[in-house]
Amino acid sequence: MKFKFSKYSGVGNDFIVIDNRDNEIKLSKSDIIRLCNRNIGIGSDGIIFLSNCIKNDFEIIHYTSDGNLGSLCGNGSRCAISFAYKNNIIKKDTFFSAYDGTHKAYILNDELIKMEMKINSKIIENEYGIWVDTGSPHLVIESSNIEEINVKKEGAKVRYNSLYNKDGVNVNYVEKISNNTFKIRTYERGVENETKACGTGSTASAICMNYLNKTNSESIKMKCLGGDLMVEFEKIDKDFKNISITGPAKLIFNGEIEV
């Protein structure tokens, strides 16, 4: 089976994007693992399929690099939106379906995309940090110097502990730089490693820092290893509304591969 693909990067969080609206491309778990492998494949943190959707412009199906079906991916979604726009599938405004329902997004320019986000759970403080689901489950841990943390090692300890082992969790280490700027490093389940950026993690972390009164800003820059993401929201009483994330999605190259 031969098919075309595009390699995209959302602030260093990279994806293989495939137009599968005709539903002809069938990949096994081992196919996905091999394609995502950086030594023998294309290399990526995951694969994003664009599928047909009756309700919205398209549906995003996300697979993590371990070959499993993933939950919402913020950076991967923006990459898919950019792909859809460049291939005349959508206009500058779009509604699309994803793991946690319908999202709206806006093409701001050739690379910058703003995407509406959601909170799908209560915000829960526990002995490990503060947990919230923003399309994917995230644990946010505040740190004074995240550059010194071995994120792969320490993140795996949390992801595989007795509380989170069954369903998994993404682990975010966050350091305050100023009232509206935070550094973030993320261990992602499914990739089972640190990634250069995480969209749902940046969203969760910005909201949690406000929730904990570490900032009173409702427009927060999250500085990831691969670049910056802007998270905005409105805090009404104790609820977070009108949540969005803005960041780039860059085409790296187009290709064709046979599986």
Protein backbone atom coordinates (compact mmCIF):
# COMPACT_ATOMS: atom_id res chain seq x y z
CA MET A 1 0.00 0.00 0.00
CA LYS A 2 1.42 3.35 -1.09
CA PHE A 3 0.11 6.70 0.13
CA LYS A 4 1.05 10.36 0.40
CA PHE A 5 1.70 12.13 3.70
CA SER A 6 2.89 15.43 5.11
CA LYS A 7 5.32 15.89 7.98
CA TYR A 8 4.35 18.78 10.27
CA SER A 9 5.72 20.36 13.42
CA GLY A 10 3.78 22.17 16.13
CA VAL A 11 6.57 23.91 18.09
CA GLY A 12 8.74 20.80 17.80
CA ASN A 13 5.94 18.32 18.52
CA ASP A 14 5.99 16.54 15.15
CA PHE A 15 3.39 14.49 13.29
CA ILE A 16 2.75 12.53 10.14
CA VAL A 17 -0.50 13.93 8.69
CA ILE A 18 -2.49 11.76 6.29
CA ASP A 19 -5.64 12.57 4.33
CA ASN A 20 -7.78 9.48 4.84
CA ARG A 21 -11.18 10.91 4.00
CA ASP A 22 -11.73 8.08 1.51
CA ASN A 23 -10.95 5.58 4.32
CA GLU A 24 -8.64 3.55 2.07
CA ILE A 25 -5.51 3.69 4.23
CA LYS A 26 -5.42 0.93 6.85
CA LEU A 27 -2.41 0.85 9.16
CA SER A 28 -1.71 -1.79 11.78
CA LYS A 29 -0.24 -1.00 15.17
CA SER A 30 3.16 -2.23 13.98
CA ASP A 31 2.87 -0.04 10.85
CA ILE A 32 2.29 3.04 13.00
CA ILE A 33 5.19 2.20 15.32
CA ARG A 34 7.51 1.72 12.34
CA LEU A 35 6.42 4.93 10.58
CA CYS A 36 6.93 6.98 13.77
CA ASN A 37 10.34 5.43 14.43
CA ARG A 38 13.08 8.03 13.93
CA ASN A 39 15.66 5.48 12.77
CA ILE A 40 13.76 3.25 10.34
CA GLY A 41 10.64 5.31 9.57
CA ILE A 42 9.56 8.86 8.85
CA GLY A 43 9.96 9.81 12.49
CA SER A 44 7.30 11.57 14.57
CA ASP A 45 5.54 11.78 17.94
CA GLY A 46 2.39 10.43 16.30
CA ILE A 47 0.17 10.07 13.25
CA ILE A 48 -2.84 12.26 12.50
CA PHE A 49 -5.54 11.01 10.12
CA LEU A 50 -8.06 13.39 8.56
CA SER A 51 -11.31 11.46 8.24
CA ASN A 52 -14.70 12.36 6.81
CA CYS A 53 -17.25 13.77 9.23
CA ILE A 54 -20.96 14.42 8.62
CA LYS A 55 -21.29 16.86 11.51
CA ASN A 56 -18.16 18.99 10.93
CA ASP A 57 -15.57 19.77 8.24
CA PHE A 58 -13.48 16.72 9.13
CA GLU A 59 -12.55 14.43 12.02
CA ILE A 60 -9.09 14.01 13.54
CA ILE A 61 -7.97 10.51 14.46
CA HIS A 62 -4.73 10.60 16.49
CA TYR A 63 -2.37 7.69 17.06
CA THR A 64 0.59 8.00 19.41
CA SER A 65 4.01 6.66 18.44
CA ASP A 66 3.45 3.47 20.46
CA GLY A 67 0.77 2.54 17.90
CA ASN A 68 -2.22 3.14 20.15
CA LEU A 69 -5.21 5.40 19.62
CA GLY A 70 -4.54 8.68 21.37
CA SER A 71 -6.77 11.30 22.95
CA LEU A 72 -6.94 14.96 21.89
CA CYS A 73 -3.63 16.36 20.69
CA GLY A 74 -3.46 20.17 20.60
CA ASN A 75 -0.33 20.50 18.49
CA GLY A 76 -1.35 17.62 16.24
CA SER A 77 -4.76 19.19 15.72
CA ARG A 78 -3.22 22.50 14.63
CA CYS A 79 -1.00 20.59 12.22
CA ALA A 80 -4.07 18.87 10.77
CA ILE A 81 -5.87 22.21 10.49
CA SER A 82 -2.92 23.72 8.62
CA PHE A 83 -2.82 20.69 6.31
CA ALA A 84 -6.56 20.99 5.64
CA TYR A 85 -6.25 24.69 4.85
CA LYS A 86 -3.23 24.28 2.55
CA ASN A 87 -5.06 21.50 0.69
CA ASN A 88 -8.28 23.53 0.25
CA ILE A 89 -10.31 21.26 2.51
CA ILE A 90 -11.36 24.14 4.77
CA LYS A 91 -11.57 27.94 4.80
CA LYS A 92 -9.87 30.10 7.44
CA ASP A 93 -12.49 29.19 10.06
CA THR A 94 -13.31 25.57 10.72
CA PHE A 95 -15.20 23.21 12.99
CA PHE A 96 -13.70 19.74 13.37
CA SER A 97 -14.37 16.65 15.45
CA ALA A 98 -11.78 15.16 17.78
CA TYR A 99 -11.51 12.75 20.69
CA ASP A 100 -13.39 15.05 23.09
CA GLY A 101 -15.96 16.44 20.66
CA THR A 102 -16.22 19.48 18.40
CA HIS A 103 -13.61 22.24 18.33
CA LYS A 104 -13.48 25.51 16.43
CA ALA A 105 -10.23 26.85 14.99
CA TYR A 106 -9.05 29.91 13.11
CA ILE A 107 -6.23 30.32 10.60
CA LEU A 108 -4.56 33.57 11.66
CA ASN A 109 -1.79 33.50 9.04
CA ASP A 110 0.27 31.00 7.03
CA GLU A 111 1.58 29.27 10.15
CA LEU A 112 -0.29 30.61 13.20
CA ILE A 113 -3.50 28.88 14.29
CA LYS A 114 -5.87 29.57 17.17
CA MET A 115 -7.87 26.61 18.47
CA GLU A 116 -10.64 26.45 21.03
CA MET A 117 -10.00 24.08 23.94
CA LYS A 118 -12.07 22.50 26.73
CA ILE A 119 -11.89 21.36 30.32
CA ASN A 120 -13.50 17.92 30.51
CA SER A 121 -13.13 17.26 34.24
CA LYS A 122 -12.87 18.79 37.67
CA ILE A 123 -9.50 20.19 38.71
CA ILE A 124 -8.15 17.81 41.35
CA GLU A 125 -5.23 18.38 43.72
CA ASN A 126 -3.46 15.28 45.02
CA GLU A 127 -0.14 14.21 46.52
CA TYR A 128 1.57 14.31 43.13
CA GLY A 129 0.39 17.67 41.81
CA ILE A 130 -2.79 19.02 40.25
CA TRP A 131 -4.76 16.99 37.69
CA VAL A 132 -7.14 18.09 34.94
CA ASP A 133 -8.41 16.71 31.63
CA THR A 134 -8.12 19.17 28.71
CA GLY A 135 -8.86 16.55 26.07
CA SER A 136 -6.03 14.45 27.48
CA PRO A 137 -5.36 13.80 31.18
CA HIS A 138 -2.60 15.97 32.65
CA LEU A 139 -0.80 16.19 35.96
CA VAL A 140 0.80 19.58 36.55
CA ILE A 141 3.77 19.83 38.91
CA GLU A 142 5.22 23.21 39.84
CA SER A 143 9.02 23.33 39.99
CA SER A 144 11.62 25.99 40.74
CA ASN A 145 14.09 24.82 38.07
CA ILE A 146 12.69 22.51 35.40
CA GLU A 147 15.92 22.51 33.41
CA GLU A 148 17.50 20.25 36.02
CA ILE A 149 14.74 17.63 35.87
CA ASN A 150 15.25 14.33 34.05
CA VAL A 151 11.75 14.49 32.56
CA LYS A 152 11.80 11.06 30.93
CA LYS A 153 12.87 9.33 34.15
CA GLU A 154 10.79 11.33 36.64
CA GLY A 155 7.75 11.56 34.37
CA ALA A 156 7.73 7.79 33.85
CA LYS A 157 7.74 7.24 37.62
CA VAL A 158 4.50 9.21 37.91
CA ARG A 159 2.90 7.88 34.72
CA TYR A 160 3.44 4.26 35.86
CA ASN A 161 2.70 4.66 39.58
CA SER A 162 -0.20 2.83 41.21
CA LEU A 163 -2.61 5.76 40.76
CA TYR A 164 -2.03 6.41 37.04
CA ASN A 165 -0.68 3.14 35.70
CA LYS A 166 -4.00 1.87 34.31
CA ASP A 167 -5.12 4.88 32.25
CA GLY A 168 -1.84 6.77 32.07
CA VAL A 169 -1.24 10.48 32.50
CA ASN A 170 0.81 13.20 30.85
CA VAL A 171 3.19 14.82 33.34
CA ASN A 172 3.98 18.54 33.09
CA TYR A 173 6.73 20.30 35.00
CA VAL A 174 6.08 24.05 35.17
CA GLU A 175 8.26 26.94 36.28
CA LYS A 176 7.05 30.51 36.73
CA ILE A 177 9.05 33.18 34.87
CA SER A 178 6.66 36.11 35.32
CA ASN A 179 2.97 36.76 35.95
CA ASN A 180 2.08 35.83 32.37
CA THR A 181 5.00 33.57 31.33
CA PHE A 182 5.82 30.01 32.40
CA LYS A 183 8.30 27.38 31.23
CA ILE A 184 6.98 23.88 30.66
CA ARG A 185 8.45 20.43 29.99
CA THR A 186 6.18 17.45 29.35
CA TYR A 187 6.38 13.67 29.55
CA GLU A 188 3.73 12.30 27.19
CA ARG A 189 2.01 8.96 27.58
CA GLY A 190 1.92 7.05 24.29
CA VAL A 191 5.22 8.59 23.28
CA GLU A 192 6.64 7.51 26.66
CA ASN A 193 9.24 10.21 26.51
CA GLU A 194 9.65 13.96 26.78
CA THR A 195 8.33 15.87 23.77
CA LYS A 196 9.37 19.30 22.54
CA ALA A 197 5.91 20.71 23.29
CA CYS A 198 2.41 19.71 24.34
CA GLY A 199 -0.71 21.70 23.48
CA THR A 200 -3.17 20.08 25.88
CA GLY A 201 -0.44 20.12 28.53
CA SER A 202 0.25 23.82 28.04
CA THR A 203 -3.47 24.51 28.30
CA ALA A 204 -3.80 22.43 31.47
CA SER A 205 -0.72 24.01 33.03
CA ALA A 206 -1.77 27.60 32.33
CA ILE A 207 -5.20 26.96 33.83
CA CYS A 208 -3.76 25.18 36.87
CA MET A 209 -1.30 28.00 37.57
CA ASN A 210 -4.21 30.46 37.59
CA TYR A 211 -6.29 28.07 39.70
CA LEU A 212 -3.47 27.90 42.27
CA ASN A 213 -3.17 31.73 42.26
CA LYS A 214 0.36 31.55 40.86
CA THR A 215 -0.84 34.12 38.32
CA ASN A 216 -3.89 36.34 37.86
CA SER A 217 -3.34 36.58 34.10
CA GLU A 218 -5.87 35.14 31.68
CA SER A 219 -3.42 35.30 28.77
CA ILE A 220 -0.39 33.14 29.48
CA LYS A 221 2.67 32.37 27.37
CA MET A 222 3.90 28.80 27.80
CA LYS A 223 7.54 28.44 26.82
CA CYS A 224 8.07 24.89 25.52
CA LEU A 225 11.39 23.39 24.43
CA GLY A 226 10.33 23.80 20.80
CA GLY A 227 8.79 27.29 21.00
CA ASP A 228 6.00 29.32 22.57
CA LEU A 229 2.28 28.65 22.87
CA MET A 230 -0.27 31.23 24.02
CA VAL A 231 -3.13 30.05 26.24
CA GLU A 232 -6.09 32.38 26.82
CA PHE A 233 -9.28 31.99 28.85
CA GLU A 234 -11.83 33.81 30.95
CA LYS A 235 -12.11 32.97 34.62
CA ILE A 236 -15.69 33.48 35.76
CA ASP A 237 -16.03 32.77 39.48
CA LYS A 238 -14.20 29.42 39.69
CA ASP A 239 -14.97 28.32 36.14
CA PHE A 240 -12.69 28.65 33.12
CA LYS A 241 -14.50 29.63 29.91
CA ASN A 242 -13.60 30.56 26.31
CA ILE A 243 -10.33 28.63 26.46
CA SER A 244 -8.02 28.75 23.44
CA ILE A 245 -4.47 27.95 22.45
CA THR A 246 -2.54 29.76 19.72
CA GLY A 247 0.66 28.56 18.12
CA PRO A 248 2.39 27.70 14.86
CA ALA A 249 2.01 24.61 12.70
CA LYS A 250 4.78 24.29 10.13
CA LEU A 251 4.98 22.03 7.11
CA ILE A 252 8.35 20.26 7.17
CA PHE A 253 8.01 18.22 3.97
CA ASN A 254 5.60 16.23 1.81
CA GLY A 255 6.29 12.65 0.84
CA GLU A 256 5.04 9.31 -0.34
CA ILE A 257 5.72 5.98 1.31
CA GLU A 258 4.88 2.33 0.76
CA VAL A 259 3.87 0.13 3.70
